[in-house]
Amino acid sequence: MTGLVTVGYYLVSLFFSLILLLLWARIFLRYFRISALHPISQGINGLLNPVIGPVERLVYKNQPAPKRYDWITLLFVIVVELIKFFLIGLIVYGAIMPFPYLILFTAADLIVQPLNLLFFMVLIRALMSWVNPQWHHPAGEVLAVMTNPLLALGRKIIPDISGFDFSPIIIMIIIKVITLFISASMPLPIL
């Protein structure tokens, strides 16, 4: 890749990754039933509701939106992923990416993106437990709610040893193995 192509790829990836981070965070907040009054929920919803709100009102006219599953936001994630890989194909290869590749990369990224988000949530929680175990912050509450099920799974694999909890390390290794396998299995080096 030339310098301009690399910079273009980086900027497009960064822009869409930030949008996808917000969209996935909204899906996670709804799935884990974090209160809409929570500061993090208010921030994310404040950024995304101008776009997602009208579509939700259109789809769920007189009926309440589902409590746990945010299907409209997931639809936005898929559309943003398709646009992202369409633009990346244009930038990197100078042509429109073949439709099967577009679908393949979108499906792979629909798995990799939330796994990367979970990886960093577990990492931040582990670091904060070492630096300041009594960390009381709105973000800490959200991280605890979202990562407790994963860490409980890690504790089933390897229980605490002499008071040390190795579950974050186990979970981060498992997540990284899955994401590396998916990225390495792609026909073109884009992910």
N, C-alpha and C. Protein backbone atom coordinates (compact mmCIF):
# COMPACT_ATOMS: atom_id res chain seq x y z
N MET A 1 0.84 -1.18 0.00
CA MET A 1 0.00 0.00 0.00
C MET A 1 0.88 1.24 0.00
N THR A 2 0.43 2.24 -0.72
CA THR A 2 1.16 3.50 -0.72
C THR A 2 0.79 4.29 0.53
N GLY A 3 1.48 5.39 0.73
CA GLY A 3 1.25 6.20 1.92
C GLY A 3 -0.17 6.73 2.02
N LEU A 4 -0.70 7.27 0.91
CA LEU A 4 -2.05 7.82 0.92
C LEU A 4 -3.10 6.74 1.14
N VAL A 5 -2.89 5.59 0.53
CA VAL A 5 -3.83 4.48 0.72
C VAL A 5 -3.83 4.04 2.17
N THR A 6 -2.64 3.95 2.77
CA THR A 6 -2.54 3.54 4.17
C THR A 6 -3.22 4.55 5.09
N VAL A 7 -3.00 5.83 4.84
CA VAL A 7 -3.64 6.87 5.65
C VAL A 7 -5.16 6.83 5.46
N GLY A 8 -5.61 6.69 4.22
CA GLY A 8 -7.05 6.59 3.95
C GLY A 8 -7.67 5.39 4.63
N TYR A 9 -6.99 4.25 4.54
CA TYR A 9 -7.48 3.04 5.20
C TYR A 9 -7.58 3.26 6.71
N TYR A 10 -6.54 3.87 7.29
CA TYR A 10 -6.53 4.11 8.73
C TYR A 10 -7.67 5.03 9.15
N LEU A 11 -7.86 6.14 8.42
CA LEU A 11 -8.89 7.10 8.79
C LEU A 11 -10.29 6.52 8.65
N VAL A 12 -10.53 5.79 7.57
CA VAL A 12 -11.85 5.16 7.38
C VAL A 12 -12.08 4.11 8.46
N SER A 13 -11.07 3.29 8.74
CA SER A 13 -11.21 2.27 9.79
C SER A 13 -11.46 2.90 11.15
N LEU A 14 -10.73 3.97 11.45
CA LEU A 14 -10.90 4.64 12.74
C LEU A 14 -12.29 5.23 12.87
N PHE A 15 -12.74 5.94 11.84
CA PHE A 15 -14.07 6.56 11.87
C PHE A 15 -15.16 5.52 12.09
N PHE A 16 -15.12 4.46 11.29
CA PHE A 16 -16.17 3.45 11.41
C PHE A 16 -16.02 2.63 12.69
N SER A 17 -14.81 2.44 13.17
CA SER A 17 -14.62 1.72 14.44
C SER A 17 -15.22 2.49 15.60
N LEU A 18 -15.09 3.81 15.59
CA LEU A 18 -15.69 4.61 16.66
C LEU A 18 -17.21 4.56 16.60
N ILE A 19 -17.77 4.64 15.41
CA ILE A 19 -19.23 4.53 15.27
C ILE A 19 -19.69 3.15 15.74
N LEU A 20 -18.98 2.11 15.31
CA LEU A 20 -19.36 0.75 15.70
C LEU A 20 -19.20 0.53 17.20
N LEU A 21 -18.19 1.14 17.81
CA LEU A 21 -18.02 1.05 19.25
C LEU A 21 -19.25 1.59 19.97
N LEU A 22 -19.74 2.74 19.54
CA LEU A 22 -20.93 3.31 20.16
C LEU A 22 -22.15 2.42 19.93
N LEU A 23 -22.30 1.90 18.72
CA LEU A 23 -23.46 1.05 18.43
C LEU A 23 -23.42 -0.24 19.25
N TRP A 24 -22.24 -0.88 19.31
CA TRP A 24 -22.13 -2.11 20.11
C TRP A 24 -22.33 -1.82 21.59
N ALA A 25 -21.83 -0.68 22.06
CA ALA A 25 -22.03 -0.32 23.46
C ALA A 25 -23.51 -0.15 23.76
N ARG A 26 -24.25 0.44 22.83
CA ARG A 26 -25.70 0.59 23.03
C ARG A 26 -26.38 -0.77 23.10
N ILE A 27 -25.96 -1.69 22.22
CA ILE A 27 -26.53 -3.04 22.24
C ILE A 27 -26.21 -3.72 23.57
N PHE A 28 -24.96 -3.61 24.02
CA PHE A 28 -24.56 -4.24 25.29
C PHE A 28 -25.32 -3.63 26.46
N LEU A 29 -25.48 -2.31 26.48
CA LEU A 29 -26.19 -1.66 27.58
C LEU A 29 -27.63 -2.14 27.65
N ARG A 30 -28.26 -2.28 26.52
CA ARG A 30 -29.65 -2.76 26.52
C ARG A 30 -29.71 -4.23 26.91
N TYR A 31 -28.77 -5.04 26.40
CA TYR A 31 -28.79 -6.47 26.70
C TYR A 31 -28.58 -6.73 28.19
N PHE A 32 -27.66 -5.99 28.80
CA PHE A 32 -27.39 -6.19 30.22
C PHE A 32 -28.29 -5.34 31.10
N ARG A 33 -29.27 -4.69 30.52
CA ARG A 33 -30.29 -3.92 31.22
C ARG A 33 -29.71 -2.85 32.13
N ILE A 34 -28.75 -2.12 31.60
CA ILE A 34 -28.22 -0.97 32.31
C ILE A 34 -29.26 0.14 32.21
N SER A 35 -29.56 0.78 33.31
CA SER A 35 -30.60 1.80 33.37
C SER A 35 -30.35 2.91 32.35
N ALA A 36 -31.43 3.39 31.76
CA ALA A 36 -31.32 4.51 30.83
C ALA A 36 -30.92 5.79 31.55
N LEU A 37 -31.03 5.81 32.87
CA LEU A 37 -30.63 6.98 33.66
C LEU A 37 -29.15 6.95 34.03
N HIS A 38 -28.47 5.85 33.75
CA HIS A 38 -27.05 5.74 34.05
C HIS A 38 -26.29 6.73 33.17
N PRO A 39 -25.25 7.39 33.71
CA PRO A 39 -24.53 8.41 32.91
C PRO A 39 -23.97 7.89 31.59
N ILE A 40 -23.47 6.66 31.59
CA ILE A 40 -22.91 6.12 30.34
C ILE A 40 -24.03 5.86 29.34
N SER A 41 -25.15 5.33 29.80
CA SER A 41 -26.30 5.12 28.92
C SER A 41 -26.79 6.45 28.35
N GLN A 42 -26.86 7.45 29.21
CA GLN A 42 -27.32 8.76 28.74
C GLN A 42 -26.38 9.33 27.68
N GLY A 43 -25.08 9.16 27.88
CA GLY A 43 -24.13 9.68 26.90
C GLY A 43 -24.24 8.98 25.56
N ILE A 44 -24.29 7.65 25.59
CA ILE A 44 -24.37 6.89 24.34
C ILE A 44 -25.71 7.11 23.66
N ASN A 45 -26.79 7.08 24.44
CA ASN A 45 -28.10 7.31 23.84
C ASN A 45 -28.23 8.74 23.32
N GLY A 46 -27.62 9.69 24.00
CA GLY A 46 -27.66 11.07 23.52
C GLY A 46 -26.97 11.23 22.17
N LEU A 47 -25.90 10.46 21.95
CA LEU A 47 -25.20 10.52 20.67
C LEU A 47 -25.95 9.77 19.56
N LEU A 48 -26.57 8.65 19.91
CA LEU A 48 -27.16 7.79 18.88
C LEU A 48 -28.66 7.99 18.66
N ASN A 49 -29.38 8.50 19.65
CA ASN A 49 -30.83 8.63 19.50
C ASN A 49 -31.27 9.53 18.35
N PRO A 50 -30.54 10.59 17.99
CA PRO A 50 -30.98 11.37 16.83
C PRO A 50 -31.04 10.55 15.54
N VAL A 51 -30.24 9.50 15.44
CA VAL A 51 -30.24 8.67 14.24
C VAL A 51 -31.14 7.45 14.43
N ILE A 52 -31.01 6.77 15.56
CA ILE A 52 -31.73 5.51 15.78
C ILE A 52 -33.16 5.75 16.25
N GLY A 53 -33.38 6.82 17.01
CA GLY A 53 -34.71 7.11 17.57
C GLY A 53 -35.82 7.17 16.53
N PRO A 54 -35.65 7.95 15.44
CA PRO A 54 -36.72 8.00 14.43
C PRO A 54 -37.03 6.64 13.80
N VAL A 55 -36.00 5.84 13.58
CA VAL A 55 -36.23 4.51 12.99
C VAL A 55 -36.97 3.62 13.99
N GLU A 56 -36.60 3.70 15.27
CA GLU A 56 -37.31 2.92 16.29
C GLU A 56 -38.78 3.33 16.36
N ARG A 57 -39.04 4.63 16.33
CA ARG A 57 -40.43 5.10 16.39
C ARG A 57 -41.20 4.64 15.16
N LEU A 58 -40.54 4.58 14.02
CA LEU A 58 -41.20 4.14 12.80
C LEU A 58 -41.51 2.64 12.85
N VAL A 59 -40.58 1.85 13.36
CA VAL A 59 -40.76 0.39 13.39
C VAL A 59 -41.73 -0.02 14.50
N TYR A 60 -41.54 0.54 15.69
CA TYR A 60 -42.37 0.16 16.85
C TYR A 60 -43.43 1.22 17.11
N LYS A 61 -44.25 1.52 16.13
CA LYS A 61 -45.19 2.64 16.19
C LYS A 61 -45.93 2.73 17.53
N ASN A 62 -46.84 1.84 17.79
CA ASN A 62 -47.66 1.92 19.00
C ASN A 62 -47.33 0.83 20.00
N GLN A 63 -46.28 0.12 19.77
CA GLN A 63 -45.90 -0.95 20.69
C GLN A 63 -44.54 -0.64 21.31
N PRO A 64 -44.31 -1.16 22.50
CA PRO A 64 -43.01 -0.87 23.14
C PRO A 64 -41.88 -1.63 22.45
N ALA A 65 -40.71 -1.02 22.47
CA ALA A 65 -39.52 -1.68 21.90
C ALA A 65 -39.14 -2.86 22.78
N PRO A 66 -38.52 -3.89 22.21
CA PRO A 66 -38.09 -5.02 23.04
C PRO A 66 -37.16 -4.55 24.15
N LYS A 67 -37.31 -5.17 25.32
CA LYS A 67 -36.54 -4.73 26.49
C LYS A 67 -35.07 -5.09 26.40
N ARG A 68 -34.76 -6.30 25.94
CA ARG A 68 -33.38 -6.78 26.04
C ARG A 68 -32.62 -6.73 24.72
N TYR A 69 -33.30 -6.95 23.63
CA TYR A 69 -32.62 -7.03 22.34
C TYR A 69 -32.90 -5.77 21.53
N ASP A 70 -31.85 -5.13 21.09
CA ASP A 70 -31.96 -3.89 20.34
C ASP A 70 -31.74 -4.20 18.86
N TRP A 71 -32.80 -4.65 18.20
CA TRP A 71 -32.70 -5.11 16.82
C TRP A 71 -32.43 -3.96 15.86
N ILE A 72 -32.96 -2.80 16.15
CA ILE A 72 -32.75 -1.65 15.26
C ILE A 72 -31.27 -1.26 15.26
N THR A 73 -30.66 -1.23 16.44
CA THR A 73 -29.24 -0.88 16.52
C THR A 73 -28.40 -1.95 15.84
N LEU A 74 -28.78 -3.22 15.97
CA LEU A 74 -28.06 -4.29 15.28
C LEU A 74 -28.16 -4.12 13.77
N LEU A 75 -29.30 -3.70 13.29
CA LEU A 75 -29.46 -3.42 11.86
C LEU A 75 -28.53 -2.27 11.44
N PHE A 76 -28.44 -1.25 12.27
CA PHE A 76 -27.50 -0.15 12.00
C PHE A 76 -26.07 -0.65 11.98
N VAL A 77 -25.72 -1.56 12.89
CA VAL A 77 -24.36 -2.13 12.92
C VAL A 77 -24.07 -2.82 11.59
N ILE A 78 -25.00 -3.61 11.10
CA ILE A 78 -24.80 -4.33 9.84
C ILE A 78 -24.63 -3.36 8.68
N VAL A 79 -25.47 -2.34 8.63
CA VAL A 79 -25.38 -1.35 7.54
C VAL A 79 -24.04 -0.60 7.60
N VAL A 80 -23.63 -0.20 8.80
CA VAL A 80 -22.36 0.52 8.95
C VAL A 80 -21.19 -0.39 8.56
N GLU A 81 -21.26 -1.67 8.93
CA GLU A 81 -20.21 -2.62 8.55
C GLU A 81 -20.13 -2.75 7.03
N LEU A 82 -21.27 -2.87 6.37
CA LEU A 82 -21.28 -2.99 4.91
C LEU A 82 -20.67 -1.75 4.26
N ILE A 83 -21.05 -0.57 4.75
CA ILE A 83 -20.48 0.67 4.20
C ILE A 83 -18.98 0.73 4.46
N LYS A 84 -18.57 0.32 5.65
CA LYS A 84 -17.14 0.33 6.00
C LYS A 84 -16.33 -0.51 5.02
N PHE A 85 -16.76 -1.75 4.79
CA PHE A 85 -15.98 -2.62 3.91
C PHE A 85 -16.11 -2.23 2.44
N PHE A 86 -17.23 -1.62 2.07
CA PHE A 86 -17.36 -1.10 0.71
C PHE A 86 -16.31 0.00 0.48
N LEU A 87 -16.20 0.93 1.44
CA LEU A 87 -15.22 2.01 1.31
C LEU A 87 -13.78 1.51 1.42
N ILE A 88 -13.54 0.56 2.32
CA ILE A 88 -12.19 0.01 2.45
C ILE A 88 -11.78 -0.70 1.17
N GLY A 89 -12.71 -1.42 0.55
CA GLY A 89 -12.42 -2.07 -0.72
C GLY A 89 -12.05 -1.06 -1.80
N LEU A 90 -12.79 0.05 -1.83
CA LEU A 90 -12.48 1.10 -2.80
C LEU A 90 -11.11 1.72 -2.54
N ILE A 91 -10.79 1.95 -1.28
CA ILE A 91 -9.52 2.60 -0.94
C ILE A 91 -8.34 1.66 -1.18
N VAL A 92 -8.43 0.44 -0.66
CA VAL A 92 -7.29 -0.47 -0.70
C VAL A 92 -7.09 -1.08 -2.08
N TYR A 93 -8.17 -1.53 -2.72
CA TYR A 93 -8.04 -2.25 -3.99
C TYR A 93 -8.44 -1.41 -5.20
N GLY A 94 -8.97 -0.22 -4.97
CA GLY A 94 -9.33 0.65 -6.08
C GLY A 94 -10.53 0.16 -6.86
N ALA A 95 -11.28 -0.75 -6.31
CA ALA A 95 -12.46 -1.29 -6.98
C ALA A 95 -13.48 -1.71 -5.91
N ILE A 96 -14.69 -1.94 -6.37
CA ILE A 96 -15.72 -2.41 -5.45
C ILE A 96 -15.42 -3.87 -5.10
N MET A 97 -15.45 -4.16 -3.82
CA MET A 97 -15.18 -5.51 -3.35
C MET A 97 -16.29 -6.45 -3.84
N PRO A 98 -15.97 -7.66 -4.29
CA PRO A 98 -17.02 -8.60 -4.70
C PRO A 98 -18.03 -8.83 -3.56
N PHE A 99 -19.28 -8.98 -3.94
CA PHE A 99 -20.36 -9.09 -2.95
C PHE A 99 -20.13 -10.21 -1.94
N PRO A 100 -19.70 -11.43 -2.36
CA PRO A 100 -19.46 -12.48 -1.36
C PRO A 100 -18.39 -12.08 -0.33
N TYR A 101 -17.35 -11.37 -0.79
CA TYR A 101 -16.32 -10.90 0.15
C TYR A 101 -16.89 -9.85 1.10
N LEU A 102 -17.73 -8.98 0.56
CA LEU A 102 -18.36 -7.95 1.38
C LEU A 102 -19.18 -8.58 2.50
N ILE A 103 -19.96 -9.59 2.16
CA ILE A 103 -20.77 -10.30 3.16
C ILE A 103 -19.87 -11.05 4.13
N LEU A 104 -18.83 -11.70 3.63
CA LEU A 104 -17.91 -12.47 4.48
C LEU A 104 -17.21 -11.56 5.49
N PHE A 105 -16.67 -10.44 5.03
CA PHE A 105 -15.98 -9.52 5.94
C PHE A 105 -16.95 -8.90 6.95
N THR A 106 -18.15 -8.60 6.50
CA THR A 106 -19.15 -8.04 7.42
C THR A 106 -19.51 -9.06 8.49
N ALA A 107 -19.75 -10.30 8.09
CA ALA A 107 -20.09 -11.35 9.07
C ALA A 107 -18.94 -11.58 10.05
N ALA A 108 -17.72 -11.60 9.53
CA ALA A 108 -16.56 -11.81 10.41
C ALA A 108 -16.41 -10.65 11.39
N ASP A 109 -16.60 -9.44 10.90
CA ASP A 109 -16.45 -8.27 11.78
C ASP A 109 -17.59 -8.18 12.79
N LEU A 110 -18.76 -8.74 12.46
CA LEU A 110 -19.85 -8.78 13.42
C LEU A 110 -19.51 -9.69 14.61
N ILE A 111 -18.57 -10.58 14.42
CA ILE A 111 -18.09 -11.43 15.52
C ILE A 111 -16.88 -10.77 16.20
N VAL A 112 -15.97 -10.24 15.41
CA VAL A 112 -14.71 -9.71 15.94
C VAL A 112 -14.93 -8.43 16.75
N GLN A 113 -15.77 -7.52 16.27
CA GLN A 113 -15.96 -6.23 16.96
C GLN A 113 -16.46 -6.40 18.40
N PRO A 114 -17.55 -7.15 18.65
CA PRO A 114 -17.97 -7.28 20.05
C PRO A 114 -16.97 -8.05 20.90
N LEU A 115 -16.26 -9.00 20.28
CA LEU A 115 -15.23 -9.72 21.05
C LEU A 115 -14.09 -8.78 21.44
N ASN A 116 -13.69 -7.90 20.54
CA ASN A 116 -12.67 -6.91 20.89
C ASN A 116 -13.15 -5.98 21.99
N LEU A 117 -14.41 -5.58 21.93
CA LEU A 117 -14.98 -4.74 22.98
C LEU A 117 -14.96 -5.46 24.32
N LEU A 118 -15.34 -6.74 24.31
CA LEU A 118 -15.30 -7.53 25.55
C LEU A 118 -13.87 -7.70 26.05
N PHE A 119 -12.93 -7.91 25.14
CA PHE A 119 -11.52 -8.05 25.52
C PHE A 119 -11.05 -6.82 26.30
N PHE A 120 -11.34 -5.64 25.76
CA PHE A 120 -10.87 -4.42 26.42
C PHE A 120 -11.65 -4.13 27.70
N MET A 121 -12.92 -4.54 27.76
CA MET A 121 -13.66 -4.37 29.02
C MET A 121 -13.05 -5.24 30.12
N VAL A 122 -12.72 -6.49 29.78
CA VAL A 122 -12.09 -7.38 30.77
C VAL A 122 -10.71 -6.84 31.15
N LEU A 123 -9.95 -6.36 30.17
CA LEU A 123 -8.62 -5.82 30.45
C LEU A 123 -8.70 -4.60 31.38
N ILE A 124 -9.60 -3.68 31.10
CA ILE A 124 -9.75 -2.49 31.95
C ILE A 124 -10.18 -2.90 33.35
N ARG A 125 -11.11 -3.84 33.42
CA ARG A 125 -11.56 -4.28 34.75
C ARG A 125 -10.42 -4.94 35.52
N ALA A 126 -9.62 -5.76 34.86
CA ALA A 126 -8.49 -6.42 35.53
C ALA A 126 -7.46 -5.39 35.99
N LEU A 127 -7.14 -4.44 35.13
CA LEU A 127 -6.17 -3.40 35.50
C LEU A 127 -6.67 -2.57 36.68
N MET A 128 -7.94 -2.21 36.66
CA MET A 128 -8.47 -1.41 37.75
C MET A 128 -8.55 -2.21 39.05
N SER A 129 -8.74 -3.52 38.97
CA SER A 129 -8.76 -4.32 40.20
C SER A 129 -7.37 -4.41 40.81
N TRP A 130 -6.33 -4.31 39.99
CA TRP A 130 -4.96 -4.33 40.52
C TRP A 130 -4.55 -2.95 41.03
N VAL A 131 -4.92 -1.90 40.30
CA VAL A 131 -4.51 -0.55 40.66
C VAL A 131 -5.33 -0.02 41.84
N ASN A 132 -6.65 -0.16 41.76
CA ASN A 132 -7.53 0.37 42.79
C ASN A 132 -8.71 -0.59 42.97
N PRO A 133 -8.59 -1.58 43.86
CA PRO A 133 -9.66 -2.56 44.02
C PRO A 133 -10.99 -1.96 44.47
N GLN A 134 -10.95 -0.83 45.15
CA GLN A 134 -12.18 -0.19 45.63
C GLN A 134 -12.69 0.87 44.65
N TRP A 135 -12.45 0.66 43.37
CA TRP A 135 -12.81 1.61 42.33
C TRP A 135 -14.33 1.73 42.23
N HIS A 136 -14.85 2.89 42.56
CA HIS A 136 -16.29 3.14 42.47
C HIS A 136 -16.50 4.27 41.47
N HIS A 137 -16.98 3.89 40.33
CA HIS A 137 -17.18 4.84 39.24
C HIS A 137 -18.31 4.28 38.38
N PRO A 138 -19.10 5.13 37.75
CA PRO A 138 -20.17 4.61 36.89
C PRO A 138 -19.67 3.63 35.83
N ALA A 139 -18.50 3.88 35.28
CA ALA A 139 -17.94 2.97 34.28
C ALA A 139 -17.59 1.63 34.91
N GLY A 140 -17.12 1.65 36.16
CA GLY A 140 -16.79 0.41 36.86
C GLY A 140 -18.01 -0.46 37.08
N GLU A 141 -19.13 0.17 37.39
CA GLU A 141 -20.37 -0.59 37.58
C GLU A 141 -20.79 -1.28 36.28
N VAL A 142 -20.71 -0.54 35.18
CA VAL A 142 -21.09 -1.10 33.88
C VAL A 142 -20.15 -2.23 33.50
N LEU A 143 -18.85 -2.02 33.69
CA LEU A 143 -17.87 -3.08 33.38
C LEU A 143 -18.13 -4.32 34.21
N ALA A 144 -18.46 -4.14 35.48
CA ALA A 144 -18.72 -5.29 36.35
C ALA A 144 -19.93 -6.07 35.86
N VAL A 145 -21.00 -5.37 35.53
CA VAL A 145 -22.22 -6.05 35.07
C VAL A 145 -21.96 -6.80 33.77
N MET A 146 -21.21 -6.19 32.86
CA MET A 146 -21.00 -6.79 31.54
C MET A 146 -19.96 -7.90 31.54
N THR A 147 -19.00 -7.86 32.45
CA THR A 147 -17.93 -8.86 32.42
C THR A 147 -18.10 -9.97 33.44
N ASN A 148 -18.99 -9.81 34.42
CA ASN A 148 -19.16 -10.86 35.43
C ASN A 148 -19.51 -12.23 34.83
N PRO A 149 -20.43 -12.32 33.85
CA PRO A 149 -20.72 -13.64 33.28
C PRO A 149 -19.49 -14.29 32.64
N LEU A 150 -18.68 -13.50 31.94
CA LEU A 150 -17.47 -14.05 31.32
C LEU A 150 -16.46 -14.49 32.37
N LEU A 151 -16.27 -13.67 33.38
CA LEU A 151 -15.31 -14.01 34.42
C LEU A 151 -15.76 -15.22 35.23
N ALA A 152 -17.07 -15.37 35.41
CA ALA A 152 -17.58 -16.58 36.09
C ALA A 152 -17.25 -17.82 35.26
N LEU A 153 -17.36 -17.70 33.94
CA LEU A 153 -16.98 -18.81 33.07
C LEU A 153 -15.49 -19.11 33.20
N GLY A 154 -14.66 -18.07 33.27
CA GLY A 154 -13.22 -18.25 33.45
C GLY A 154 -12.90 -18.91 34.78
N ARG A 155 -13.67 -18.59 35.82
CA ARG A 155 -13.44 -19.20 37.14
C ARG A 155 -13.82 -20.68 37.14
N LYS A 156 -14.74 -21.07 36.27
CA LYS A 156 -15.06 -22.49 36.15
C LYS A 156 -13.92 -23.25 35.49
N ILE A 157 -13.24 -22.59 34.55
CA ILE A 157 -12.11 -23.23 33.86
C ILE A 157 -10.93 -23.36 34.81
N ILE A 158 -10.54 -22.26 35.44
CA ILE A 158 -9.45 -22.27 36.43
C ILE A 158 -9.93 -21.51 37.66
N PRO A 159 -10.18 -22.20 38.76
CA PRO A 159 -10.62 -21.49 39.97
C PRO A 159 -9.49 -20.64 40.56
N ASP A 160 -9.85 -19.81 41.51
CA ASP A 160 -8.84 -18.97 42.18
C ASP A 160 -7.74 -19.85 42.77
N ILE A 161 -6.50 -19.42 42.60
CA ILE A 161 -5.36 -20.15 43.14
C ILE A 161 -4.68 -19.24 44.16
N SER A 162 -4.72 -19.62 45.41
CA SER A 162 -4.10 -18.85 46.51
C SER A 162 -4.55 -17.39 46.51
N GLY A 163 -5.83 -17.17 46.24
CA GLY A 163 -6.37 -15.82 46.26
C GLY A 163 -6.18 -15.04 44.97
N PHE A 164 -5.51 -15.61 43.99
CA PHE A 164 -5.31 -14.94 42.70
C PHE A 164 -6.38 -15.40 41.72
N ASP A 165 -7.02 -14.45 41.10
CA ASP A 165 -8.06 -14.74 40.12
C ASP A 165 -7.46 -14.65 38.72
N PHE A 166 -7.32 -15.80 38.09
CA PHE A 166 -6.75 -15.86 36.75
C PHE A 166 -7.81 -15.81 35.65
N SER A 167 -9.08 -15.66 36.03
CA SER A 167 -10.14 -15.68 35.03
C SER A 167 -10.01 -14.58 33.98
N PRO A 168 -9.59 -13.35 34.31
CA PRO A 168 -9.45 -12.36 33.23
C PRO A 168 -8.41 -12.77 32.19
N ILE A 169 -7.32 -13.36 32.65
CA ILE A 169 -6.27 -13.79 31.71
C ILE A 169 -6.80 -14.89 30.80
N ILE A 170 -7.50 -15.86 31.39
CA ILE A 170 -8.07 -16.98 30.61
C ILE A 170 -9.06 -16.45 29.57
N ILE A 171 -9.96 -15.57 29.99
CA ILE A 171 -10.97 -15.03 29.08
C ILE A 171 -10.32 -14.21 27.98
N MET A 172 -9.33 -13.39 28.32
CA MET A 172 -8.67 -12.58 27.29
C MET A 172 -7.93 -13.46 26.29
N ILE A 173 -7.31 -14.54 26.75
CA ILE A 173 -6.63 -15.45 25.83
C ILE A 173 -7.64 -16.11 24.90
N ILE A 174 -8.76 -16.58 25.44
CA ILE A 174 -9.78 -17.23 24.62
C ILE A 174 -10.33 -16.26 23.58
N ILE A 175 -10.64 -15.04 24.00
CA ILE A 175 -11.17 -14.04 23.07
C ILE A 175 -10.15 -13.73 21.97
N LYS A 176 -8.88 -13.56 22.35
CA LYS A 176 -7.85 -13.23 21.37
C LYS A 176 -7.63 -14.38 20.39
N VAL A 177 -7.68 -15.62 20.87
CA VAL A 177 -7.52 -16.77 19.97
C VAL A 177 -8.65 -16.78 18.94
N ILE A 178 -9.87 -16.53 19.37
CA ILE A 178 -11.01 -16.52 18.45
C ILE A 178 -10.85 -15.41 17.42
N THR A 179 -10.52 -14.20 17.87
CA THR A 179 -10.40 -13.09 16.92
C THR A 179 -9.23 -13.27 15.96
N LEU A 180 -8.11 -13.79 16.45
CA LEU A 180 -6.97 -14.04 15.55
C LEU A 180 -7.30 -15.12 14.53
N PHE A 181 -8.02 -16.16 14.95
CA PHE A 181 -8.40 -17.23 14.03
C PHE A 181 -9.31 -16.68 12.93
N ILE A 182 -10.28 -15.87 13.32
CA ILE A 182 -11.20 -15.30 12.32
C ILE A 182 -10.45 -14.37 11.37
N SER A 183 -9.59 -13.51 11.91
CA SER A 183 -8.84 -12.57 11.07
C SER A 183 -7.90 -13.30 10.11
N ALA A 184 -7.27 -14.36 10.59
CA ALA A 184 -6.33 -15.11 9.74
C ALA A 184 -7.05 -15.95 8.70
N SER A 185 -8.33 -16.24 8.91
CA SER A 185 -9.09 -17.07 7.97
C SER A 185 -9.68 -16.27 6.81
N MET A 186 -9.55 -14.97 6.84
CA MET A 186 -10.12 -14.14 5.78
C MET A 186 -9.28 -14.24 4.51
N PRO A 187 -9.93 -14.20 3.34
CA PRO A 187 -9.18 -14.34 2.08
C PRO A 187 -8.30 -13.14 1.74
N LEU A 188 -8.65 -11.96 2.25
CA LEU A 188 -7.86 -10.75 1.99
C LEU A 188 -7.47 -10.14 3.33
N PRO A 189 -6.28 -9.58 3.43
CA PRO A 189 -5.84 -9.01 4.72
C PRO A 189 -6.43 -7.62 4.99
N ILE A 190 -7.69 -7.58 5.42
CA ILE A 190 -8.32 -6.30 5.72
C ILE A 190 -8.65 -6.19 7.20
N LEU A 191 -9.10 -7.26 7.83
CA LEU A 191 -9.52 -7.18 9.24
C LEU A 191 -8.35 -6.91 10.15
